[in-house]
C-alpha atoms as a PDB file:
ATOM      1  CA  MET A   1      33.900  59.911 -47.635  1.00  0.00           C
ATOM      2  CA  GLN A   2      30.160  59.506 -48.102  1.00  0.00           C
ATOM      3  CA  ASP A   3      27.818  62.329 -47.093  1.00  0.00           C
ATOM      4  CA  PHE A   4      25.699  60.966 -44.273  1.00  0.00           C
ATOM      5  CA  ASP A   5      22.240  62.285 -43.506  1.00  0.00           C
ATOM      6  CA  PRO A   6      22.483  64.263 -40.224  1.00  0.00           C
ATOM      7  CA  ALA A   7      18.928  63.240 -39.314  1.00  0.00           C
ATOM      8  CA  ALA A   8      19.881  59.565 -39.698  1.00  0.00           C
ATOM      9  CA  LEU A   9      22.971  60.096 -37.544  1.00  0.00           C
ATOM     10  CA  ASP A  10      20.756  61.721 -34.891  1.00  0.00           C
ATOM     11  CA  CYS A  11      18.512  58.642 -35.038  1.00  0.00           C
ATOM     12  CA  LEU A  12      21.456  56.328 -34.469  1.00  0.00           C
ATOM     13  CA  ALA A  13      22.628  58.355 -31.453  1.00  0.00           C
ATOM     14  CA  ALA A  14      19.086  58.531 -30.042  1.00  0.00           C
ATOM     15  CA  LEU A  15      18.671  54.756 -30.359  1.00  0.00           C
ATOM     16  CA  VAL A  16      21.856  54.212 -28.360  1.00  0.00           C
ATOM     17  CA  ASP A  17      20.919  56.802 -25.736  1.00  0.00           C
ATOM     18  CA  GLU A  18      17.311  55.670 -25.294  1.00  0.00           C
ATOM     19  CA  GLY A  19      17.688  51.927 -25.876  1.00  0.00           C
ATOM     20  CA  SER A  20      14.533  51.437 -27.960  1.00  0.00           C
ATOM     21  CA  PHE A  21      12.859  52.646 -31.153  1.00  0.00           C
ATOM     22  CA  GLU A  22       9.851  53.916 -29.192  1.00  0.00           C
ATOM     23  CA  ARG A  23      11.846  56.125 -26.829  1.00  0.00           C
ATOM     24  CA  ALA A  24      14.132  57.321 -29.628  1.00  0.00           C
ATOM     25  CA  ALA A  25      11.076  58.384 -31.632  1.00  0.00           C
ATOM     26  CA  ALA A  26       9.667  60.247 -28.632  1.00  0.00           C
ATOM     27  CA  ARG A  27      12.969  62.020 -28.052  1.00  0.00           C
ATOM     28  CA  LEU A  28      13.200  63.109 -31.705  1.00  0.00           C
ATOM     29  CA  SER A  29       9.462  63.915 -31.942  1.00  0.00           C
ATOM     30  CA  ILE A  30       8.981  61.614 -34.940  1.00  0.00           C
ATOM     31  CA  THR A  31       7.277  58.270 -35.458  1.00  0.00           C
ATOM     32  CA  GLN A  32       8.865  54.881 -34.837  1.00  0.00           C
ATOM     33  CA  SER A  33       8.434  54.195 -38.535  1.00  0.00           C
ATOM     34  CA  ALA A  34      10.504  57.285 -39.345  1.00  0.00           C
ATOM     35  CA  VAL A  35      13.251  56.118 -36.986  1.00  0.00           C
ATOM     36  CA  SER A  36      13.289  52.707 -38.698  1.00  0.00           C
ATOM     37  CA  GLN A  37      13.348  54.272 -42.167  1.00  0.00           C
ATOM     38  CA  ARG A  38      16.242  56.595 -41.329  1.00  0.00           C
ATOM     39  CA  LEU A  39      18.253  53.806 -39.762  1.00  0.00           C
ATOM     40  CA  ARG A  40      17.537  51.493 -42.692  1.00  0.00           C
ATOM     41  CA  GLY A  41      18.606  54.228 -45.123  1.00  0.00           C
ATOM     42  CA  LEU A  42      21.879  54.654 -43.218  1.00  0.00           C
ATOM     43  CA  GLU A  43      22.498  50.904 -43.272  1.00  0.00           C
ATOM     44  CA  GLN A  44      21.774  50.750 -47.004  1.00  0.00           C
ATOM     45  CA  GLN A  45      24.171  53.645 -47.567  1.00  0.00           C
ATOM     46  CA  VAL A  46      27.090  51.897 -45.834  1.00  0.00           C
ATOM     47  CA  GLY A  47      26.015  48.414 -46.916  1.00  0.00           C
ATOM     48  CA  GLN A  48      26.318  46.987 -43.399  1.00  0.00           C
ATOM     49  CA  LEU A  49      24.109  46.273 -40.414  1.00  0.00           C
ATOM     50  CA  LEU A  50      24.522  48.986 -37.778  1.00  0.00           C
ATOM     51  CA  VAL A  51      22.113  47.970 -35.006  1.00  0.00           C
ATOM     52  CA  VAL A  52      21.236  44.479 -33.763  1.00  0.00           C
ATOM     53  CA  ARG A  53      17.471  44.546 -33.149  1.00  0.00           C
ATOM     54  CA  ALA A  54      17.447  42.743 -29.820  1.00  0.00           C
ATOM     55  CA  ARG A  55      16.627  43.497 -26.193  1.00  0.00           C
ATOM     56  CA  PRO A  56      18.609  45.509 -25.390  1.00  0.00           C
ATOM     57  CA  LEU A  57      19.606  47.073 -28.696  1.00  0.00           C
ATOM     58  CA  ARG A  58      23.305  46.843 -29.418  1.00  0.00           C
ATOM     59  CA  LEU A  59      25.619  48.248 -32.044  1.00  0.00           C
ATOM     60  CA  THR A  60      27.684  46.277 -34.516  1.00  0.00           C
ATOM     61  CA  GLU A  61      31.305  47.293 -35.027  1.00  0.00           C
ATOM     62  CA  PRO A  62      30.383  49.475 -38.070  1.00  0.00           C
ATOM     63  CA  GLY A  63      27.605  50.942 -35.940  1.00  0.00           C
ATOM     64  CA  LYS A  64      30.136  51.964 -33.289  1.00  0.00           C
ATOM     65  CA  VAL A  65      32.219  53.724 -35.942  1.00  0.00           C
ATOM     66  CA  LEU A  66      29.208  55.697 -37.181  1.00  0.00           C
ATOM     67  CA  LEU A  67      28.089  56.450 -33.616  1.00  0.00           C
ATOM     68  CA  ARG A  68      31.476  58.023 -32.952  1.00  0.00           C
ATOM     69  CA  PHE A  69      31.038  60.148 -36.070  1.00  0.00           C
ATOM     70  CA  ALA A  70      27.484  61.076 -34.988  1.00  0.00           C
ATOM     71  CA  ARG A  71      28.742  62.258 -31.594  1.00  0.00           C
ATOM     72  CA  GLN A  72      31.461  64.346 -33.218  1.00  0.00           C
ATOM     73  CA  TRP A  73      28.957  65.817 -35.664  1.00  0.00           C
ATOM     74  CA  GLN A  74      26.558  66.726 -32.849  1.00  0.00           C
ATOM     75  CA  ALA A  75      29.347  68.389 -30.870  1.00  0.00           C
ATOM     76  CA  LEU A  76      30.487  70.405 -33.893  1.00  0.00           C
ATOM     77  CA  ARG A  77      26.915  71.449 -34.594  1.00  0.00           C
ATOM     78  CA  ALA A  78      26.459  72.620 -31.007  1.00  0.00           C
ATOM     79  CA  ASP A  79      29.763  74.507 -31.165  1.00  0.00           C
ATOM     80  CA  VAL A  80      28.806  76.284 -34.404  1.00  0.00           C
ATOM     81  CA  ALA A  81      25.433  77.241 -32.922  1.00  0.00           C
ATOM     82  CA  ARG A  82      27.136  78.835 -29.938  1.00  0.00           C
ATOM     83  CA  GLU A  83      29.612  80.678 -32.170  1.00  0.00           C
ATOM     84  CA  LEU A  84      26.719  82.120 -34.146  1.00  0.00           C
ATOM     85  CA  GLU A  85      25.139  83.314 -30.887  1.00  0.00           C
ATOM     86  CA  GLU A  86      22.376  80.747 -31.222  1.00  0.00           C
ATOM     87  CA  SER A  87      21.167  78.551 -28.400  1.00  0.00           C
ATOM     88  CA  ALA A  88      21.736  74.824 -28.719  1.00  0.00           C
ATOM     89  CA  THR A  89      18.660  72.638 -28.800  1.00  0.00           C
ATOM     90  CA  PRO A  90      17.699  70.990 -25.484  1.00  0.00           C
ATOM     91  CA  ASP A  91      18.562  67.533 -26.860  1.00  0.00           C
ATOM     92  CA  GLU A  92      22.082  68.586 -27.921  1.00  0.00           C
ATOM     93  CA  ARG A  93      23.765  66.829 -25.010  1.00  0.00           C
ATOM     94  CA  LEU A  94      27.498  66.348 -24.821  1.00  0.00           C
ATOM     95  CA  PRO A  95      28.215  62.941 -23.245  1.00  0.00           C
ATOM     96  CA  ILE A  96      31.402  62.487 -21.229  1.00  0.00           C
ATOM     97  CA  ALA A  97      32.456  59.558 -19.019  1.00  0.00           C
ATOM     98  CA  VAL A  98      33.880  60.062 -15.525  1.00  0.00           C
ATOM     99  CA  ASN A  99      34.724  57.780 -12.618  1.00  0.00           C
ATOM    100  CA  ALA A 100      32.442  57.790  -9.576  1.00  0.00           C
ATOM    101  CA  ASP A 101      35.068  59.076  -7.122  1.00  0.00           C
ATOM    102  CA  SER A 102      35.891  62.065  -9.332  1.00  0.00           C
ATOM    103  CA  LEU A 103      32.187  62.773  -9.747  1.00  0.00           C
ATOM    104  CA  ALA A 104      31.739  62.686  -5.969  1.00  0.00           C
ATOM    105  CA  THR A 105      34.616  65.091  -5.329  1.00  0.00           C
ATOM    106  CA  TRP A 106      36.018  67.532  -7.885  1.00  0.00           C
ATOM    107  CA  VAL A 107      34.203  67.109 -11.219  1.00  0.00           C
ATOM    108  CA  LEU A 108      30.894  68.823 -10.370  1.00  0.00           C
ATOM    109  CA  PRO A 109      32.547  72.009  -9.003  1.00  0.00           C
ATOM    110  CA  ALA A 110      34.799  72.072 -12.070  1.00  0.00           C
ATOM    111  CA  LEU A 111      31.874  71.841 -14.511  1.00  0.00           C
ATOM    112  CA  ASP A 112      29.439  74.021 -12.566  1.00  0.00           C
ATOM    113  CA  PRO A 113      30.313  77.327 -14.336  1.00  0.00           C
ATOM    114  CA  LEU A 114      29.617  75.762 -17.740  1.00  0.00           C
ATOM    115  CA  VAL A 115      26.346  74.198 -16.610  1.00  0.00           C
ATOM    116  CA  GLN A 116      25.239  77.542 -15.154  1.00  0.00           C
ATOM    117  CA  GLN A 117      25.896  79.058 -18.586  1.00  0.00           C
ATOM    118  CA  GLY A 118      23.497  76.559 -20.148  1.00  0.00           C
ATOM    119  CA  VAL A 119      25.855  73.855 -21.402  1.00  0.00           C
ATOM    120  CA  SER A 120      23.958  70.549 -21.563  1.00  0.00           C
ATOM    121  CA  LEU A 121      26.016  67.583 -20.410  1.00  0.00           C
ATOM    122  CA  GLU A 122      25.356  63.869 -20.026  1.00  0.00           C
ATOM    123  CA  LEU A 123      27.639  62.300 -17.437  1.00  0.00           C
ATOM    124  CA  VAL A 124      28.306  58.569 -17.840  1.00  0.00           C
ATOM    125  CA  VAL A 125      29.792  56.912 -14.737  1.00  0.00           C
ATOM    126  CA  ASP A 126      32.126  53.918 -14.752  1.00  0.00           C
ATOM    127  CA  ASP A 127      35.315  52.716 -13.093  1.00  0.00           C
ATOM    128  CA  GLN A 128      38.299  54.911 -13.969  1.00  0.00           C
ATOM    129  CA  ASP A 129      39.952  51.975 -15.751  1.00  0.00           C
ATOM    130  CA  PHE A 130      36.890  51.467 -17.980  1.00  0.00           C
ATOM    131  CA  THR A 131      35.713  54.974 -18.932  1.00  0.00           C
ATOM    132  CA  HIS A 132      38.172  54.817 -21.822  1.00  0.00           C
ATOM    133  CA  ASP A 133      36.125  51.989 -23.356  1.00  0.00           C
ATOM    134  CA  TRP A 134      33.149  54.345 -23.667  1.00  0.00           C
ATOM    135  CA  LEU A 135      35.327  56.740 -25.667  1.00  0.00           C
ATOM    136  CA  ARG A 136      36.697  53.971 -27.878  1.00  0.00           C
ATOM    137  CA  GLN A 137      33.168  52.803 -28.689  1.00  0.00           C
ATOM    138  CA  GLY A 138      32.082  56.331 -29.615  1.00  0.00           C
ATOM    139  CA  ALA A 139      29.466  56.491 -26.847  1.00  0.00           C
ATOM    140  CA  VAL A 140      31.061  59.629 -25.331  1.00  0.00           C
ATOM    141  CA  LEU A 141      33.117  62.544 -26.647  1.00  0.00           C
ATOM    142  CA  GLY A 142      35.509  62.719 -23.712  1.00  0.00           C
ATOM    143  CA  CYS A 143      36.450  60.813 -20.583  1.00  0.00           C
ATOM    144  CA  VAL A 144      38.397  60.965 -17.339  1.00  0.00           C
ATOM    145  CA  SER A 145      40.522  57.826 -17.319  1.00  0.00           C
ATOM    146  CA  THR A 146      43.621  56.188 -15.899  1.00  0.00           C
ATOM    147  CA  VAL A 147      44.741  55.313 -19.445  1.00  0.00           C
ATOM    148  CA  PRO A 148      47.636  57.609 -20.465  1.00  0.00           C
ATOM    149  CA  GLN A 149      47.722  56.761 -24.192  1.00  0.00           C
ATOM    150  CA  ALA A 150      45.551  58.704 -26.638  1.00  0.00           C
ATOM    151  CA  LEU A 151      43.313  56.958 -29.131  1.00  0.00           C
ATOM    152  CA  ARG A 152      43.828  57.812 -32.774  1.00  0.00           C
ATOM    153  CA  GLY A 153      41.946  61.046 -33.425  1.00  0.00           C
ATOM    154  CA  CYS A 154      41.967  62.023 -29.746  1.00  0.00           C
ATOM    155  CA  ARG A 155      44.115  64.178 -27.548  1.00  0.00           C
ATOM    156  CA  VAL A 156      44.984  63.498 -23.923  1.00  0.00           C
ATOM    157  CA  VAL A 157      46.194  65.736 -21.082  1.00  0.00           C
ATOM    158  CA  PRO A 158      47.218  64.681 -17.546  1.00  0.00           C
ATOM    159  CA  LEU A 159      44.921  65.929 -14.786  1.00  0.00           C
ATOM    160  CA  GLY A 160      46.796  64.943 -11.642  1.00  0.00           C
ATOM    161  CA  VAL A 161      46.763  62.236  -9.007  1.00  0.00           C
ATOM    162  CA  MET A 162      43.896  61.069  -6.829  1.00  0.00           C
ATOM    163  CA  ARG A 163      45.335  59.645  -3.627  1.00  0.00           C
ATOM    164  CA  TYR A 164      43.549  56.760  -1.863  1.00  0.00           C
ATOM    165  CA  VAL A 165      43.895  55.896   1.833  1.00  0.00           C
ATOM    166  CA  ALA A 166      42.481  53.128   4.034  1.00  0.00           C
ATOM    167  CA  VAL A 167      40.062  54.264   6.758  1.00  0.00           C
ATOM    168  CA  ALA A 168      37.621  52.825   9.282  1.00  0.00           C
ATOM    169  CA  SER A 169      35.307  54.138  11.971  1.00  0.00           C
ATOM    170  CA  PRO A 170      36.563  54.319  15.573  1.00  0.00           C
ATOM    171  CA  ALA A 171      33.867  51.859  16.636  1.00  0.00           C
ATOM    172  CA  PHE A 172      34.925  49.362  13.962  1.00  0.00           C
ATOM    173  CA  VAL A 173      38.579  49.665  14.969  1.00  0.00           C
ATOM    174  CA  ALA A 174      37.746  49.168  18.654  1.00  0.00           C
ATOM    175  CA  ARG A 175      35.546  46.152  17.899  1.00  0.00           C
ATOM    176  CA  GLU A 176      37.459  44.404  15.109  1.00  0.00           C
ATOM    177  CA  LEU A 177      41.031  45.713  15.259  1.00  0.00           C
ATOM    178  CA  PRO A 178      42.044  46.294  18.893  1.00  0.00           C
ATOM    179  CA  GLN A 179      45.642  45.345  17.989  1.00  0.00           C
ATOM    180  CA  GLY A 180      45.569  47.173  14.657  1.00  0.00           C
ATOM    181  CA  LEU A 181      45.268  45.906  11.098  1.00  0.00           C
ATOM    182  CA  THR A 182      47.960  43.303  10.487  1.00  0.00           C
ATOM    183  CA  ARG A 183      49.043  40.693   8.006  1.00  0.00           C
ATOM    184  CA  ALA A 184      47.610  38.100  10.400  1.00  0.00           C
ATOM    185  CA  ASN A 185      44.075  39.509  10.638  1.00  0.00           C
ATOM    186  CA  PHE A 186      43.276  41.481   7.453  1.00  0.00           C
ATOM    187  CA  ALA A 187      41.543  38.463   5.835  1.00  0.00           C
ATOM    188  CA  ARG A 188      39.102  38.151   8.754  1.00  0.00           C
ATOM    189  CA  VAL A 189      37.656  41.665   8.623  1.00  0.00           C
ATOM    190  CA  PRO A 190      35.330  43.026   5.916  1.00  0.00           C
ATOM    191  CA  PHE A 191      36.528  45.481   3.273  1.00  0.00           C
ATOM    192  CA  LEU A 192      33.998  47.604   1.427  1.00  0.00           C
ATOM    193  CA  VAL A 193      34.169  47.361  -2.373  1.00  0.00           C
ATOM    194  CA  PHE A 194      32.442  49.642  -4.897  1.00  0.00           C
ATOM    195  CA  ASN A 195      31.704  46.924  -7.475  1.00  0.00           C
ATOM    196  CA  ARG A 196      33.308  43.878  -9.089  1.00  0.00           C
ATOM    197  CA  LYS A 197      35.567  46.064 -11.218  1.00  0.00           C
ATOM    198  CA  ASP A 198      37.013  47.685  -8.100  1.00  0.00           C
ATOM    199  CA  ASP A 199      40.345  46.217  -6.980  1.00  0.00           C
ATOM    200  CA  MET A 200      41.571  49.206  -4.968  1.00  0.00           C
ATOM    201  CA  GLN A 201      41.248  47.350  -1.661  1.00  0.00           C
ATOM    202  CA  SER A 202      43.350  44.370  -2.732  1.00  0.00           C
ATOM    203  CA  GLN A 203      45.926  46.748  -4.222  1.00  0.00           C
ATOM    204  CA  TRP A 204      46.162  48.591  -0.898  1.00  0.00           C
ATOM    205  CA  VAL A 205      46.469  45.387   1.154  1.00  0.00           C
ATOM    206  CA  GLY A 206      49.080  44.069  -1.267  1.00  0.00           C
ATOM    207  CA  ARG A 207      51.145  47.216  -0.843  1.00  0.00           C
ATOM    208  CA  ALA A 208      50.690  47.368   2.939  1.00  0.00           C
ATOM    209  CA  PHE A 209      51.675  43.752   3.607  1.00  0.00           C
ATOM    210  CA  GLY A 210      53.713  42.725   0.584  1.00  0.00           C
ATOM    211  CA  LEU A 211      51.216  40.214  -0.763  1.00  0.00           C
ATOM    212  CA  PRO A 212      50.746  39.631  -4.511  1.00  0.00           C
ATOM    213  CA  SER A 213      47.061  38.569  -4.587  1.00  0.00           C
ATOM    214  CA  PRO A 214      45.391  39.009  -1.200  1.00  0.00           C
ATOM    215  CA  ARG A 215      41.904  37.559  -0.718  1.00  0.00           C
ATOM    216  CA  LEU A 216      39.487  39.784   1.165  1.00  0.00           C
ATOM    217  CA  ARG A 217      36.054  39.600   2.730  1.00  0.00           C
ATOM    218  CA  ASP A 218      34.129  41.877   0.357  1.00  0.00           C
ATOM    219  CA  ARG A 219      31.011  43.903   1.032  1.00  0.00           C
ATOM    220  CA  TYR A 220      29.717  45.728  -2.037  1.00  0.00           C
ATOM    221  CA  VAL A 221      28.394  49.285  -1.824  1.00  0.00           C
ATOM    222  CA  PRO A 222      28.018  50.621  -5.403  1.00  0.00           C
ATOM    223  CA  SER A 223      27.768  54.350  -4.685  1.00  0.00           C
ATOM    224  CA  SER A 224      30.652  56.659  -3.881  1.00  0.00           C
ATOM    225  CA  GLU A 225      28.721  58.689  -1.295  1.00  0.00           C
ATOM    226  CA  ALA A 226      27.011  55.634   0.236  1.00  0.00           C
ATOM    227  CA  TYR A 227      30.369  53.826   0.327  1.00  0.00           C
ATOM    228  CA  LEU A 228      31.869  56.507   2.574  1.00  0.00           C
ATOM    229  CA  ARG A 229      28.737  56.561   4.712  1.00  0.00           C
ATOM    230  CA  ALA A 230      28.933  52.790   5.156  1.00  0.00           C
ATOM    231  CA  VAL A 231      32.555  53.126   6.304  1.00  0.00           C
ATOM    232  CA  ARG A 232      31.500  55.773   8.843  1.00  0.00           C
ATOM    233  CA  MET A 233      28.717  53.455  10.045  1.00  0.00           C
ATOM    234  CA  GLY A 234      31.272  50.724  10.745  1.00  0.00           C
ATOM    235  CA  TRP A 235      30.417  48.291   7.946  1.00  0.00           C
ATOM    236  CA  GLY A 236      34.067  47.651   7.193  1.00  0.00           C
ATOM    237  CA  ILE A 237      37.364  49.094   6.019  1.00  0.00           C
ATOM    238  CA  GLY A 238      37.249  51.429   3.059  1.00  0.00           C
ATOM    239  CA  VAL A 239      39.918  52.553   0.633  1.00  0.00           C
ATOM    240  CA  VAL A 240      38.723  56.020  -0.324  1.00  0.00           C
ATOM    241  CA  PRO A 241      40.000  59.209  -1.951  1.00  0.00           C
ATOM    242  CA  GLU A 242      41.838  61.295   0.607  1.00  0.00           C
ATOM    243  CA  LEU A 243      40.070  64.291  -0.902  1.00  0.00           C
ATOM    244  CA  GLN A 244      36.695  62.779  -0.008  1.00  0.00           C
ATOM    245  CA  ALA A 245      37.616  61.598   3.489  1.00  0.00           C
ATOM    246  CA  CYS A 246      39.711  64.535   4.742  1.00  0.00           C
ATOM    247  CA  ASP A 247      36.920  66.273   6.715  1.00  0.00           C
ATOM    248  CA  TRP A 248      35.958  63.031   8.474  1.00  0.00           C
ATOM    249  CA  LEU A 249      39.597  62.290   9.256  1.00  0.00           C
ATOM    250  CA  ASP A 250      40.068  65.803  10.665  1.00  0.00           C
ATOM    251  CA  SER A 251      36.980  65.438  12.883  1.00  0.00           C
ATOM    252  CA  GLY A 252      37.996  61.986  14.116  1.00  0.00           C
ATOM    253  CA  GLU A 253      34.883  60.292  12.721  1.00  0.00           C
ATOM    254  CA  LEU A 254      37.229  58.176  10.596  1.00  0.00           C
ATOM    255  CA  LEU A 255      40.637  56.780  11.529  1.00  0.00           C
ATOM    256  CA  PRO A 256      43.479  56.179   9.060  1.00  0.00           C
ATOM    257  CA  LEU A 257      44.890  52.669   8.825  1.00  0.00           C
ATOM    258  CA  HIS A 258      48.604  52.574   8.096  1.00  0.00           C
ATOM    259  CA  PRO A 259      48.679  56.225   6.982  1.00  0.00           C
ATOM    260  CA  GLU A 260      52.150  55.737   5.505  1.00  0.00           C
ATOM    261  CA  VAL A 261      50.572  53.499   2.832  1.00  0.00           C
ATOM    262  CA  HIS A 262      48.484  55.043   0.069  1.00  0.00           C
ATOM    263  CA  LEU A 263      47.633  54.463  -3.567  1.00  0.00           C
ATOM    264  CA  GLU A 264      48.079  57.101  -6.238  1.00  0.00           C
ATOM    265  CA  VAL A 265      45.779  56.973  -9.264  1.00  0.00           C
ATOM    266  CA  ALA A 266      46.912  59.222 -12.111  1.00  0.00           C
ATOM    267  CA  LEU A 267      43.960  60.599 -14.076  1.00  0.00           C
ATOM    268  CA  HIS A 268      43.895  61.888 -17.655  1.00  0.00           C
ATOM    269  CA  TRP A 269      41.367  63.757 -19.783  1.00  0.00           C
ATOM    270  CA  HIS A 270      40.757  62.319 -23.263  1.00  0.00           C
ATOM    271  CA  GLN A 271      38.669  64.008 -25.946  1.00  0.00           C
ATOM    272  CA  TRP A 272      38.036  63.652 -29.644  1.00  0.00           C
ATOM    273  CA  LYS A 273      39.670  66.257 -31.856  1.00  0.00           C
ATOM    274  CA  LEU A 274      36.806  68.137 -33.453  1.00  0.00           C
ATOM    275  CA  GLY A 275      38.656  70.546 -35.711  1.00  0.00           C
ATOM    276  CA  SER A 276      39.185  73.540 -33.422  1.00  0.00           C
ATOM    277  CA  GLU A 277      42.842  73.549 -34.456  1.00  0.00           C
ATOM    278  CA  GLN A 278      41.696  74.719 -37.906  1.00  0.00           C
ATOM    279  CA  ARG A 279      39.841  77.692 -36.367  1.00  0.00           C
ATOM    280  CA  PRO A 280      42.452  79.278 -34.078  1.00  0.00           C
ATOM    281  CA  GLN A 281      40.777  82.704 -34.077  1.00  0.00           C
ATOM    282  CA  ALA A 282      37.311  81.353 -33.408  1.00  0.00           C
ATOM    283  CA  ARG A 283      35.744  80.903 -30.006  1.00  0.00           C
ATOM    284  CA  ALA A 284      37.027  77.790 -28.258  1.00  0.00           C
ATOM    285  CA  ALA A 285      35.055  74.668 -29.109  1.00  0.00           C
ATOM    286  CA  LEU A 286      32.561  73.587 -26.505  1.00  0.00           C
ATOM    287  CA  LEU A 287      34.337  70.299 -25.927  1.00  0.00           C
ATOM    288  CA  ASP A 288      37.603  72.189 -25.480  1.00  0.00           C
ATOM    289  CA  ARG A 289      35.891  74.383 -22.878  1.00  0.00           C
ATOM    290  CA  ILE A 290      34.783  71.287 -20.998  1.00  0.00           C
ATOM    291  CA  GLY A 291      38.331  69.931 -21.092  1.00  0.00           C
ATOM    292  CA  ASP A 292      39.744  73.266 -19.923  1.00  0.00           C
ATOM    293  CA  ALA A 293      37.238  73.415 -17.044  1.00  0.00           C
ATOM    294  CA  LEU A 294      38.162  69.906 -15.924  1.00  0.00           C
ATOM    295  CA  LEU A 295      41.862  70.695 -16.165  1.00  0.00           C
ATOM    296  CA  GLN A 296      41.438  73.809 -14.011  1.00  0.00           C
ATOM    297  CA  GLY A 297      39.267  71.968 -11.495  1.00  0.00           C
ATOM    298  CA  ALA A 298      41.748  69.112 -11.278  1.00  0.00           C
ATOM    299  CA  SER A 299      44.636  71.517 -10.711  1.00  0.00           C
ATOM    300  CA  ARG A 300      42.828  72.825  -7.634  1.00  0.00           C
ATOM    301  CA  ALA A 301      41.777  69.449  -6.227  1.00  0.00           C
ATOM    302  CA  LEU A 302      44.216  66.748  -7.291  1.00  0.00           C
ATOM    303  CA  ALA A 303      47.775  66.177  -6.145  1.00  0.00           C
ATOM    304  CA  ALA A 304      51.000  65.911  -8.073  1.00  0.00           C
ATOM    305  CA  PRO A 305      52.705  62.492  -8.026  1.00  0.00           C
ATOM    306  CA  SER A 306      54.734  61.971  -4.848  1.00  0.00           C
ATOM    307  CA  SER A 307      58.042  60.236  -4.301  1.00  0.00           C
ATOM    308  CA  PRO A 308      58.001  56.411  -4.057  1.00  0.00           C
ATOM    309  CA  GLN A 309      56.469  54.998  -0.891  1.00  0.00           C
ATOM    310  CA  PRO A 310      58.337  52.785   1.566  1.00  0.00           C
ATOM    311  CA  GLY A 311      58.541  49.139   0.543  1.00  0.00           C
ATOM    312  CA  PRO A 312      56.090  46.534   1.843  1.00  0.00           C
ATOM    313  CA  ALA A 313      56.261  45.159   5.343  1.00  0.00           C
ATOM    314  CA  GLU A 314      58.971  42.638   6.103  1.00  0.00           C
ATOM    315  CA  GLU A 315      57.872  38.992   5.999  1.00  0.00           C
ATOM    316  CA  GLY A 316      58.177  38.561   9.757  1.00  0.00           C
ATOM    317  CA  SER A 317      56.571  41.807  10.894  1.00  0.00           C
ATOM    318  CA  ASP A 318      52.946  40.820  11.520  1.00  0.00           C
ATOM    319  CA  GLU A 319      51.949  43.497  14.012  1.00  0.00           C
ATOM    320  CA  LYS A 320      51.896  47.152  13.024  1.00  0.00           C
ATOM    321  CA  ASP A 321      50.313  50.248  14.465  1.00  0.00           C
ATOM    322  CA  LEU A 322      47.242  51.711  12.852  1.00  0.00           C
END
């Protein structure tokens, strides 16, 4: 394999992180001309265009391959620095992708000991079904995802199950659902949705009422914390992590809807293999430490898969208790 200039690889990663030549130059403390020269040298070395100079900048497929290599190189460099008792540079960030609900519940406590020790992380947030795409593109070194299969060159470990339940405020239930949520009325009441990738609400309704593709009245609230607050304020029905809603359910500020029905989302940790297997006596690689911290945090917060739930409601049973 060709020997790539580490400075050019850093330029490629900075361009992706910052989105422009100007900001990449400022981050690296060099001129824009130097950024252009290093990128051009890298492109000449591989004989292919790596970055499409547009607004916003975007990578070509060869560029994504080299970005993945740049991320791995940066992580190895940071790991070696720590093993030699040196401090990593402030810009040596380790990017990982996590879903918003995990970030709002168990991920920050899991990573807190590492951050307090000075580990520099960059958290990328996306839907749990899409974080894996960030890993595939080389934009992150690890991700929390629903995808169970490992990419080539990666390892994957199961984290546990995040359980989702449907909830609403007492005022909303009294105003909109005096007879309870039923197959006859669910389409008339609003459901809160995180974003257009989020189909948790339709999944829950489909399971509760035995419908293949239910159509809902959607209200979008694209923040995990604000989503739960909007549910408490009576904006609509939410399908939320039980872990996030448990205190409000215990206090009565939220009411469960059909508590026998829940969704289980199995989460997995994916990370690139960065060679720590060849150094078994050495200090654990920094990325491995992040994975270990997430695994320990998940073991404390997430559930194990439960037995199958009862089947959907019978076709004629329209009215059910909350």
